[in-house]
Amino acid sequence: MNEARARLRYPVERGMAPLKTWRTLRKARCSPTWLTTAAKAVLTLESYR
């Protein structure tokens, strides 16, 4: 059970790590909807890497 959960969490954590370091997203002054779309795009691209 724990191993299965770890396999599911790994891609998400790997995708979120770069987002946390991007100053652009932390200091953004735009729509939260746009930021959500950008984050989803990065996570999608990261999953194919």
Protein backbone atom coordinates (compact mmCIF):
# COMPACT_ATOMS: atom_id res chain seq x y z
CA MET A 1 0.00 0.00 0.00
CA ASN A 2 2.74 2.45 0.94
CA GLU A 3 4.77 1.61 -2.16
CA ALA A 4 1.75 2.15 -4.42
CA ARG A 5 1.09 5.55 -2.87
CA ALA A 6 4.74 6.52 -3.24
CA ARG A 7 4.59 5.66 -6.97
CA LEU A 8 1.60 7.96 -7.39
CA ARG A 9 3.15 10.82 -5.42
CA TYR A 10 6.53 10.75 -7.14
CA PRO A 11 5.53 12.41 -10.45
CA VAL A 12 3.52 15.09 -8.66
CA GLU A 13 6.33 15.94 -6.26
CA ARG A 14 8.84 15.93 -9.10
CA GLY A 15 6.65 18.34 -11.05
CA MET A 16 5.93 20.65 -8.13
CA ALA A 17 9.59 21.07 -7.13
CA PRO A 18 10.49 23.34 -10.08
CA LEU A 19 7.33 25.37 -9.60
CA LYS A 20 8.30 26.19 -6.02
CA THR A 21 11.64 27.61 -7.14
CA TRP A 22 10.25 29.79 -9.91
CA ARG A 23 10.26 33.33 -8.66
CA THR A 24 7.95 34.28 -11.51
CA LEU A 25 5.11 32.26 -10.04
CA ARG A 26 5.74 33.46 -6.49
CA LYS A 27 5.78 37.13 -7.44
CA ALA A 28 3.15 36.95 -10.17
CA ARG A 29 0.60 39.72 -10.43
CA CYS A 30 -1.89 38.07 -12.72
CA SER A 31 -5.00 35.97 -12.60
CA PRO A 32 -4.92 32.88 -10.37
CA THR A 33 -6.68 31.07 -13.21
CA TRP A 34 -3.74 31.76 -15.50
CA LEU A 35 -1.28 30.55 -12.88
CA THR A 36 -3.28 27.34 -12.43
CA THR A 37 -3.21 26.75 -16.17
CA ALA A 38 0.54 27.36 -16.29
CA ALA A 39 1.14 24.99 -13.37
CA LYS A 40 -0.94 22.27 -15.05
CA ALA A 41 1.05 22.69 -18.26
CA VAL A 42 4.36 22.37 -16.43
CA LEU A 43 3.17 19.27 -14.57
CA THR A 44 2.00 17.71 -17.83
CA LEU A 45 5.30 18.39 -19.56
CA GLU A 46 7.25 17.16 -16.55
CA SER A 47 5.36 13.87 -16.57
CA TYR A 48 6.57 13.20 -20.13
CA ARG A 49 10.21 13.86 -19.27
